PDB file of all heavy atoms in Angstrom:
ATOM      1  N   ARG A   1      17.004   8.905  30.766  1.00  0.00           N
ATOM      2  CA  ARG A   1      17.476   9.170  29.401  1.00  0.00           C
ATOM      3  C   ARG A   1      16.318   8.940  28.446  1.00  0.00           C
ATOM      4  O   ARG A   1      15.303   8.350  28.811  1.00  0.00           O
ATOM      5  CB  ARG A   1      18.670   8.292  29.041  1.00  0.00           C
ATOM      6  CG  ARG A   1      18.337   6.868  28.679  1.00  0.00           C
ATOM      7  CD  ARG A   1      19.560   6.094  28.207  1.00  0.00           C
ATOM      8  NE  ARG A   1      19.210   4.822  27.614  1.00  0.00           N
ATOM      9  CZ  ARG A   1      19.029   3.687  28.276  1.00  0.00           C
ATOM     10  NH1 ARG A   1      19.171   3.691  29.606  1.00  0.00           N
ATOM     11  NH2 ARG A   1      18.719   2.575  27.653  1.00  0.00           N
ATOM     12  N   ALA A   2      16.485   9.414  27.225  1.00  0.00           N
ATOM     13  CA  ALA A   2      15.466   9.210  26.194  1.00  0.00           C
ATOM     14  C   ALA A   2      16.091   8.500  25.001  1.00  0.00           C
ATOM     15  O   ALA A   2      17.278   8.671  24.707  1.00  0.00           O
ATOM     16  CB  ALA A   2      14.868  10.544  25.757  1.00  0.00           C
ATOM     17  N   GLU A   3      15.279   7.688  24.348  1.00  0.00           N
ATOM     18  CA  GLU A   3      15.698   7.016  23.126  1.00  0.00           C
ATOM     19  C   GLU A   3      14.787   7.433  21.978  1.00  0.00           C
ATOM     20  O   GLU A   3      13.557   7.481  22.132  1.00  0.00           O
ATOM     21  CB  GLU A   3      15.644   5.498  23.292  1.00  0.00           C
ATOM     22  CG  GLU A   3      16.673   4.959  24.269  1.00  0.00           C
ATOM     23  CD  GLU A   3      16.652   3.443  24.374  1.00  0.00           C
ATOM     24  OE1 GLU A   3      15.707   2.817  23.824  1.00  0.00           O
ATOM     25  OE2 GLU A   3      17.579   2.886  24.976  1.00  0.00           O
ATOM     26  N   PHE A   4      15.398   7.734  20.830  1.00  0.00           N
ATOM     27  CA  PHE A   4      14.662   8.127  19.632  1.00  0.00           C
ATOM     28  C   PHE A   4      14.849   7.030  18.585  1.00  0.00           C
ATOM     29  O   PHE A   4      15.975   6.681  18.241  1.00  0.00           O
ATOM     30  CB  PHE A   4      15.165   9.468  19.105  1.00  0.00           C
ATOM     31  CG  PHE A   4      15.022  10.596  20.087  1.00  0.00           C
ATOM     32  CD1 PHE A   4      16.020  10.879  20.999  1.00  0.00           C
ATOM     33  CD2 PHE A   4      13.865  11.359  20.114  1.00  0.00           C
ATOM     34  CE1 PHE A   4      15.887  11.913  21.914  1.00  0.00           C
ATOM     35  CE2 PHE A   4      13.717  12.390  21.017  1.00  0.00           C
ATOM     36  CZ  PHE A   4      14.725  12.670  21.924  1.00  0.00           C
ATOM     37  N   GLU A   5      13.741   6.498  18.093  1.00  0.00           N
ATOM     38  CA  GLU A   5      13.798   5.346  17.194  1.00  0.00           C
ATOM     39  C   GLU A   5      12.940   5.588  15.959  1.00  0.00           C
ATOM     40  O   GLU A   5      11.925   6.269  16.000  1.00  0.00           O
ATOM     41  CB  GLU A   5      13.311   4.106  17.943  1.00  0.00           C
ATOM     42  CG  GLU A   5      13.532   2.803  17.203  1.00  0.00           C
ATOM     43  CD  GLU A   5      13.207   1.594  18.069  1.00  0.00           C
ATOM     44  OE1 GLU A   5      12.713   1.791  19.200  1.00  0.00           O
ATOM     45  OE2 GLU A   5      13.435   0.462  17.606  1.00  0.00           O
ATOM     46  N   ASP A   6      13.370   4.983  14.831  1.00  0.00           N
ATOM     47  CA  ASP A   6      12.635   5.079  13.557  1.00  0.00           C
ATOM     48  C   ASP A   6      12.461   6.524  13.099  1.00  0.00           C
ATOM     49  O   ASP A   6      11.365   6.941  12.676  1.00  0.00           O
ATOM     50  CB  ASP A   6      11.261   4.411  13.668  1.00  0.00           C
ATOM     51  CG  ASP A   6      11.362   2.899  13.809  1.00  0.00           C
ATOM     52  OD1 ASP A   6      12.384   2.333  13.394  1.00  0.00           O
ATOM     53  OD2 ASP A   6      10.423   2.291  14.353  1.00  0.00           O
ATOM     54  N   LEU A   7      13.531   7.305  13.150  1.00  0.00           N
ATOM     55  CA  LEU A   7      13.482   8.676  12.635  1.00  0.00           C
ATOM     56  C   LEU A   7      13.296   8.617  11.121  1.00  0.00           C
ATOM     57  O   LEU A   7      14.150   8.115  10.390  1.00  0.00           O
ATOM     58  CB  LEU A   7      14.768   9.422  12.996  1.00  0.00           C
ATOM     59  CG  LEU A   7      14.932  10.825  12.402  1.00  0.00           C
ATOM     60  CD1 LEU A   7      13.774  11.727  12.796  1.00  0.00           C
ATOM     61  CD2 LEU A   7      16.267  11.432  12.844  1.00  0.00           C
ATOM     62  N   THR A   8      12.156   9.132  10.656  1.00  0.00           N
ATOM     63  CA  THR A   8      11.788   9.057   9.245  1.00  0.00           C
ATOM     64  C   THR A   8      11.411  10.441   8.740  1.00  0.00           C
ATOM     65  O   THR A   8      10.648  11.156   9.391  1.00  0.00           O
ATOM     66  CB  THR A   8      10.594   8.102   9.041  1.00  0.00           C
ATOM     67  OG1 THR A   8      10.910   6.820   9.601  1.00  0.00           O
ATOM     68  CG2 THR A   8      10.271   7.943   7.572  1.00  0.00           C
ATOM     69  N   THR A   9      11.969  10.813   7.586  1.00  0.00           N
ATOM     70  CA  THR A   9      11.677  12.112   6.989  1.00  0.00           C
ATOM     71  C   THR A   9      11.166  11.920   5.568  1.00  0.00           C
ATOM     72  O   THR A   9      11.832  11.296   4.740  1.00  0.00           O
ATOM     73  CB  THR A   9      12.924  13.011   6.965  1.00  0.00           C
ATOM     74  OG1 THR A   9      13.428  13.172   8.289  1.00  0.00           O
ATOM     75  CG2 THR A   9      12.595  14.379   6.383  1.00  0.00           C
ATOM     76  N   VAL A  10       9.994  12.431   5.300  1.00  0.00           N
ATOM     77  CA  VAL A  10       9.444  12.479   3.942  1.00  0.00           C
ATOM     78  C   VAL A  10       9.670  13.890   3.420  1.00  0.00           C
ATOM     79  O   VAL A  10       9.362  14.867   4.115  1.00  0.00           O
ATOM     80  CB  VAL A  10       7.944  12.134   3.946  1.00  0.00           C
ATOM     81  CG1 VAL A  10       7.370  12.235   2.537  1.00  0.00           C
ATOM     82  CG2 VAL A  10       7.721  10.741   4.517  1.00  0.00           C
ATOM     83  N   TYR A  11      10.230  14.010   2.225  1.00  0.00           N
ATOM     84  CA  TYR A  11      10.673  15.339   1.791  1.00  0.00           C
ATOM     85  C   TYR A  11      10.506  15.551   0.294  1.00  0.00           C
ATOM     86  O   TYR A  11      10.329  14.619  -0.483  1.00  0.00           O
ATOM     87  CB  TYR A  11      12.143  15.541   2.163  1.00  0.00           C
ATOM     88  CG  TYR A  11      13.098  14.568   1.493  1.00  0.00           C
ATOM     89  CD1 TYR A  11      13.616  14.825   0.229  1.00  0.00           C
ATOM     90  CD2 TYR A  11      13.476  13.391   2.138  1.00  0.00           C
ATOM     91  CE1 TYR A  11      14.483  13.942  -0.382  1.00  0.00           C
ATOM     92  CE2 TYR A  11      14.338  12.504   1.536  1.00  0.00           C
ATOM     93  CZ  TYR A  11      14.839  12.776   0.272  1.00  0.00           C
ATOM     94  OH  TYR A  11      15.686  11.883  -0.345  1.00  0.00           O
ATOM     95  N   ALA A  12      10.582  16.831  -0.056  1.00  0.00           N
ATOM     96  CA  ALA A  12      10.668  17.252  -1.455  1.00  0.00           C
ATOM     97  C   ALA A  12      12.039  17.899  -1.650  1.00  0.00           C
ATOM     98  O   ALA A  12      12.446  18.752  -0.862  1.00  0.00           O
ATOM     99  CB  ALA A  12       9.562  18.232  -1.796  1.00  0.00           C
ATOM    100  N   LYS A  13      12.740  17.483  -2.679  1.00  0.00           N
ATOM    101  CA  LYS A  13      14.032  18.063  -3.052  1.00  0.00           C
ATOM    102  C   LYS A  13      13.818  18.907  -4.298  1.00  0.00           C
ATOM    103  O   LYS A  13      13.331  18.422  -5.320  1.00  0.00           O
ATOM    104  CB  LYS A  13      15.044  16.949  -3.307  1.00  0.00           C
ATOM    105  CG  LYS A  13      16.376  17.398  -3.879  1.00  0.00           C
ATOM    106  CD  LYS A  13      17.295  16.201  -4.034  1.00  0.00           C
ATOM    107  CE  LYS A  13      18.489  16.524  -4.919  1.00  0.00           C
ATOM    108  NZ  LYS A  13      18.110  16.603  -6.355  1.00  0.00           N
ATOM    109  N   VAL A  14      14.175  20.178  -4.201  1.00  0.00           N
ATOM    110  CA  VAL A  14      13.938  21.129  -5.295  1.00  0.00           C
ATOM    111  C   VAL A  14      15.279  21.663  -5.779  1.00  0.00           C
ATOM    112  O   VAL A  14      15.997  22.354  -5.037  1.00  0.00           O
ATOM    113  CB  VAL A  14      13.040  22.301  -4.821  1.00  0.00           C
ATOM    114  CG1 VAL A  14      12.774  23.249  -5.980  1.00  0.00           C
ATOM    115  CG2 VAL A  14      11.733  21.775  -4.236  1.00  0.00           C
ATOM    116  N   ASN A  15      15.630  21.333  -7.016  1.00  0.00           N
ATOM    117  CA  ASN A  15      16.891  21.811  -7.588  1.00  0.00           C
ATOM    118  C   ASN A  15      16.813  23.299  -7.894  1.00  0.00           C
ATOM    119  O   ASN A  15      15.791  23.798  -8.372  1.00  0.00           O
ATOM    120  CB  ASN A  15      17.218  21.041  -8.868  1.00  0.00           C
ATOM    121  CG  ASN A  15      17.468  19.561  -8.602  1.00  0.00           C
ATOM    122  OD1 ASN A  15      17.936  19.193  -7.523  1.00  0.00           O
ATOM    123  ND2 ASN A  15      17.150  18.714  -9.573  1.00  0.00           N
ATOM    124  N   MET A  16      17.914  23.987  -7.603  1.00  0.00           N
ATOM    125  CA  MET A  16      17.987  25.423  -7.841  1.00  0.00           C
ATOM    126  C   MET A  16      18.836  25.687  -9.085  1.00  0.00           C
ATOM    127  O   MET A  16      19.726  24.889  -9.422  1.00  0.00           O
ATOM    128  CB  MET A  16      18.573  26.117  -6.611  1.00  0.00           C
ATOM    129  CG  MET A  16      17.782  25.856  -5.337  1.00  0.00           C
ATOM    130  SD  MET A  16      18.611  26.441  -3.832  1.00  0.00           S
ATOM    131  CE  MET A  16      18.586  28.208  -4.116  1.00  0.00           C
ATOM    132  N   PRO A  17      18.606  26.804  -9.775  1.00  0.00           N
ATOM    133  CA  PRO A  17      19.356  27.108 -11.001  1.00  0.00           C
ATOM    134  C   PRO A  17      20.753  27.649 -10.702  1.00  0.00           C
ATOM    135  O   PRO A  17      21.171  28.666 -11.250  1.00  0.00           O
ATOM    136  CB  PRO A  17      18.476  28.168 -11.687  1.00  0.00           C
ATOM    137  CG  PRO A  17      17.809  28.861 -10.552  1.00  0.00           C
ATOM    138  CD  PRO A  17      17.542  27.800  -9.526  1.00  0.00           C
ATOM    139  N   LEU A  18      21.470  26.963  -9.816  1.00  0.00           N
ATOM    140  CA  LEU A  18      22.822  27.385  -9.423  1.00  0.00           C
ATOM    141  C   LEU A  18      23.708  26.152  -9.326  1.00  0.00           C
ATOM    142  O   LEU A  18      24.063  25.690  -8.238  1.00  0.00           O
ATOM    143  CB  LEU A  18      22.786  28.122  -8.075  1.00  0.00           C
ATOM    144  CG  LEU A  18      22.030  29.449  -8.022  1.00  0.00           C
ATOM    145  CD1 LEU A  18      21.878  29.925  -6.584  1.00  0.00           C
ATOM    146  CD2 LEU A  18      22.747  30.506  -8.854  1.00  0.00           C
ATOM    147  N   GLY A  19      24.032  25.577 -10.483  1.00  0.00           N
ATOM    148  CA  GLY A  19      24.860  24.384 -10.474  1.00  0.00           C
ATOM    149  C   GLY A  19      24.133  23.221  -9.834  1.00  0.00           C
ATOM    150  O   GLY A  19      22.998  22.905 -10.166  1.00  0.00           O
ATOM    151  N   GLY A  20      24.771  22.590  -8.831  1.00  0.00           N
ATOM    152  CA  GLY A  20      24.163  21.429  -8.188  1.00  0.00           C
ATOM    153  C   GLY A  20      23.438  21.738  -6.903  1.00  0.00           C
ATOM    154  O   GLY A  20      23.099  20.814  -6.140  1.00  0.00           O
ATOM    155  N   LEU A  21      23.174  23.004  -6.620  1.00  0.00           N
ATOM    156  CA  LEU A  21      22.500  23.360  -5.370  1.00  0.00           C
ATOM    157  C   LEU A  21      21.032  22.917  -5.378  1.00  0.00           C
ATOM    158  O   LEU A  21      20.373  22.929  -6.409  1.00  0.00           O
ATOM    159  CB  LEU A  21      22.559  24.870  -5.144  1.00  0.00           C
ATOM    160  CG  LEU A  21      23.921  25.462  -4.768  1.00  0.00           C
ATOM    161  CD1 LEU A  21      23.820  26.980  -4.652  1.00  0.00           C
ATOM    162  CD2 LEU A  21      24.431  24.875  -3.460  1.00  0.00           C
ATOM    163  N   TYR A  22      20.551  22.524  -4.207  1.00  0.00           N
ATOM    164  CA  TYR A  22      19.135  22.168  -4.076  1.00  0.00           C
ATOM    165  C   TYR A  22      18.622  22.558  -2.698  1.00  0.00           C
ATOM    166  O   TYR A  22      19.381  22.748  -1.745  1.00  0.00           O
ATOM    167  CB  TYR A  22      18.911  20.679  -4.329  1.00  0.00           C
ATOM    168  CG  TYR A  22      19.585  19.748  -3.361  1.00  0.00           C
ATOM    169  CD1 TYR A  22      18.993  19.391  -2.150  1.00  0.00           C
ATOM    170  CD2 TYR A  22      20.830  19.196  -3.660  1.00  0.00           C
ATOM    171  CE1 TYR A  22      19.609  18.523  -1.265  1.00  0.00           C
ATOM    172  CE2 TYR A  22      21.461  18.330  -2.784  1.00  0.00           C
ATOM    173  CZ  TYR A  22      20.848  17.994  -1.591  1.00  0.00           C
ATOM    174  OH  TYR A  22      21.472  17.134  -0.714  1.00  0.00           O
ATOM    175  N   MET A  23      17.312  22.665  -2.609  1.00  0.00           N
ATOM    176  CA  MET A  23      16.625  22.967  -1.354  1.00  0.00           C
ATOM    177  C   MET A  23      15.797  21.748  -0.963  1.00  0.00           C
ATOM    178  O   MET A  23      15.246  21.055  -1.820  1.00  0.00           O
ATOM    179  CB  MET A  23      15.743  24.205  -1.530  1.00  0.00           C
ATOM    180  CG  MET A  23      14.917  24.588  -0.318  1.00  0.00           C
ATOM    181  SD  MET A  23      14.040  26.171  -0.576  1.00  0.00           S
ATOM    182  CE  MET A  23      13.060  25.757  -2.043  1.00  0.00           C
ATOM    183  N   LYS A  24      15.710  21.486   0.330  1.00  0.00           N
ATOM    184  CA  LYS A  24      14.940  20.348   0.818  1.00  0.00           C
ATOM    185  C   LYS A  24      13.902  20.830   1.823  1.00  0.00           C
ATOM    186  O   LYS A  24      14.215  21.567   2.761  1.00  0.00           O
ATOM    187  CB  LYS A  24      15.860  19.311   1.456  1.00  0.00           C
ATOM    188  CG  LYS A  24      15.122  18.103   2.020  1.00  0.00           C
ATOM    189  CD  LYS A  24      16.078  17.099   2.653  1.00  0.00           C
ATOM    190  CE  LYS A  24      16.747  16.251   1.607  1.00  0.00           C
ATOM    191  NZ  LYS A  24      17.509  15.134   2.212  1.00  0.00           N
ATOM    192  N   LEU A  25      12.660  20.411   1.633  1.00  0.00           N
ATOM    193  CA  LEU A  25      11.567  20.708   2.550  1.00  0.00           C
ATOM    194  C   LEU A  25      10.907  19.391   2.923  1.00  0.00           C
ATOM    195  O   LEU A  25      10.562  18.597   2.039  1.00  0.00           O
ATOM    196  CB  LEU A  25      10.533  21.637   1.900  1.00  0.00           C
ATOM    197  CG  LEU A  25      11.044  22.996   1.411  1.00  0.00           C
ATOM    198  CD1 LEU A  25       9.960  23.711   0.630  1.00  0.00           C
ATOM    199  CD2 LEU A  25      11.495  23.844   2.584  1.00  0.00           C
ATOM    200  N   GLY A  26      10.715  19.144   4.229  1.00  0.00           N
ATOM    201  CA  GLY A  26      10.185  17.851   4.608  1.00  0.00           C
ATOM    202  C   GLY A  26       9.436  17.847   5.923  1.00  0.00           C
ATOM    203  O   GLY A  26       9.255  18.877   6.587  1.00  0.00           O
ATOM    204  N   TYR A  27       9.011  16.641   6.288  1.00  0.00           N
ATOM    205  CA  TYR A  27       8.254  16.399   7.515  1.00  0.00           C
ATOM    206  C   TYR A  27       8.874  15.178   8.184  1.00  0.00           C
ATOM    207  O   TYR A  27       8.953  14.100   7.588  1.00  0.00           O
ATOM    208  CB  TYR A  27       6.788  16.155   7.183  1.00  0.00           C
ATOM    209  CG  TYR A  27       5.908  15.860   8.370  1.00  0.00           C
ATOM    210  CD1 TYR A  27       5.403  16.887   9.163  1.00  0.00           C
ATOM    211  CD2 TYR A  27       5.555  14.550   8.687  1.00  0.00           C
ATOM    212  CE1 TYR A  27       4.579  16.613  10.241  1.00  0.00           C
ATOM    213  CE2 TYR A  27       4.724  14.272   9.760  1.00  0.00           C
ATOM    214  CZ  TYR A  27       4.243  15.310  10.534  1.00  0.00           C
ATOM    215  OH  TYR A  27       3.426  15.035  11.606  1.00  0.00           O
ATOM    216  N   SER A  28       9.338  15.334   9.432  1.00  0.00           N
ATOM    217  CA  SER A  28      10.026  14.270  10.152  1.00  0.00           C
ATOM    218  C   SER A  28       9.165  13.743  11.295  1.00  0.00           C
ATOM    219  O   SER A  28       8.432  14.502  11.937  1.00  0.00           O
ATOM    220  CB  SER A  28      11.361  14.772  10.715  1.00  0.00           C
ATOM    221  OG  SER A  28      12.237  15.169   9.687  1.00  0.00           O
ATOM    222  N   GLN A  29       9.294  12.448  11.553  1.00  0.00           N
ATOM    223  CA  GLN A  29       8.605  11.818  12.679  1.00  0.00           C
ATOM    224  C   GLN A  29       9.542  10.813  13.344  1.00  0.00           C
ATOM    225  O   GLN A  29      10.311  10.126  12.668  1.00  0.00           O
ATOM    226  CB  GLN A  29       7.329  11.117  12.223  1.00  0.00           C
ATOM    227  CG  GLN A  29       6.491  10.566  13.372  1.00  0.00           C
ATOM    228  CD  GLN A  29       5.158  10.013  12.899  1.00  0.00           C
ATOM    229  OE1 GLN A  29       5.084   9.371  11.858  1.00  0.00           O
ATOM    230  NE2 GLN A  29       4.103  10.259  13.662  1.00  0.00           N
ATOM    231  N   VAL A  30       9.461  10.725  14.681  1.00  0.00           N
ATOM    232  CA  VAL A  30      10.327   9.816  15.430  1.00  0.00           C
ATOM    233  C   VAL A  30       9.584   9.327  16.670  1.00  0.00           C
ATOM    234  O   VAL A  30       8.784  10.058  17.253  1.00  0.00           O
ATOM    235  CB  VAL A  30      11.650  10.522  15.823  1.00  0.00           C
ATOM    236  CG1 VAL A  30      11.410  11.682  16.774  1.00  0.00           C
ATOM    237  CG2 VAL A  30      12.664   9.537  16.406  1.00  0.00           C
ATOM    238  N   ASP A  31       9.831   8.064  17.052  1.00  0.00           N
ATOM    239  CA  ASP A  31       9.266   7.503  18.277  1.00  0.00           C
ATOM    240  C   ASP A  31      10.193   7.816  19.449  1.00  0.00           C
ATOM    241  O   ASP A  31      11.415   7.714  19.322  1.00  0.00           O
ATOM    242  CB  ASP A  31       9.090   5.991  18.146  1.00  0.00           C
ATOM    243  CG  ASP A  31       8.087   5.614  17.071  1.00  0.00           C
ATOM    244  OD1 ASP A  31       7.145   6.399  16.853  1.00  0.00           O
ATOM    245  OD2 ASP A  31       8.248   4.551  16.452  1.00  0.00           O
ATOM    246  N   VAL A  32       9.602   8.188  20.587  1.00  0.00           N
ATOM    247  CA  VAL A  32      10.374   8.603  21.757  1.00  0.00           C
ATOM    248  C   VAL A  32      10.024   7.714  22.942  1.00  0.00           C
ATOM    249  O   VAL A  32       8.845   7.494  23.238  1.00  0.00           O
ATOM    250  CB  VAL A  32      10.096  10.073  22.126  1.00  0.00           C
ATOM    251  CG1 VAL A  32      10.991  10.517  23.279  1.00  0.00           C
ATOM    252  CG2 VAL A  32      10.299  10.979  20.911  1.00  0.00           C
ATOM    253  N   THR A  33      11.054   7.198  23.632  1.00  0.00           N
ATOM    254  CA  THR A  33      10.871   6.401  24.837  1.00  0.00           C
ATOM    255  C   THR A  33      11.689   7.007  25.966  1.00  0.00           C
ATOM    256  O   THR A  33      12.896   7.249  25.797  1.00  0.00           O
ATOM    257  CB  THR A  33      11.311   4.942  24.619  1.00  0.00           C
ATOM    258  OG1 THR A  33      10.586   4.386  23.527  1.00  0.00           O
ATOM    259  CG2 THR A  33      11.055   4.105  25.860  1.00  0.00           C
TER     260      THR A  33
END
């Protein structure tokens, strides 16, 4: 089996001109054992 630990995402949240809608773009990293 595998274990994933410390899943961390650094991201930018960009609000769209449609009410409360937003877009998210990011970079994720996780340790695997």
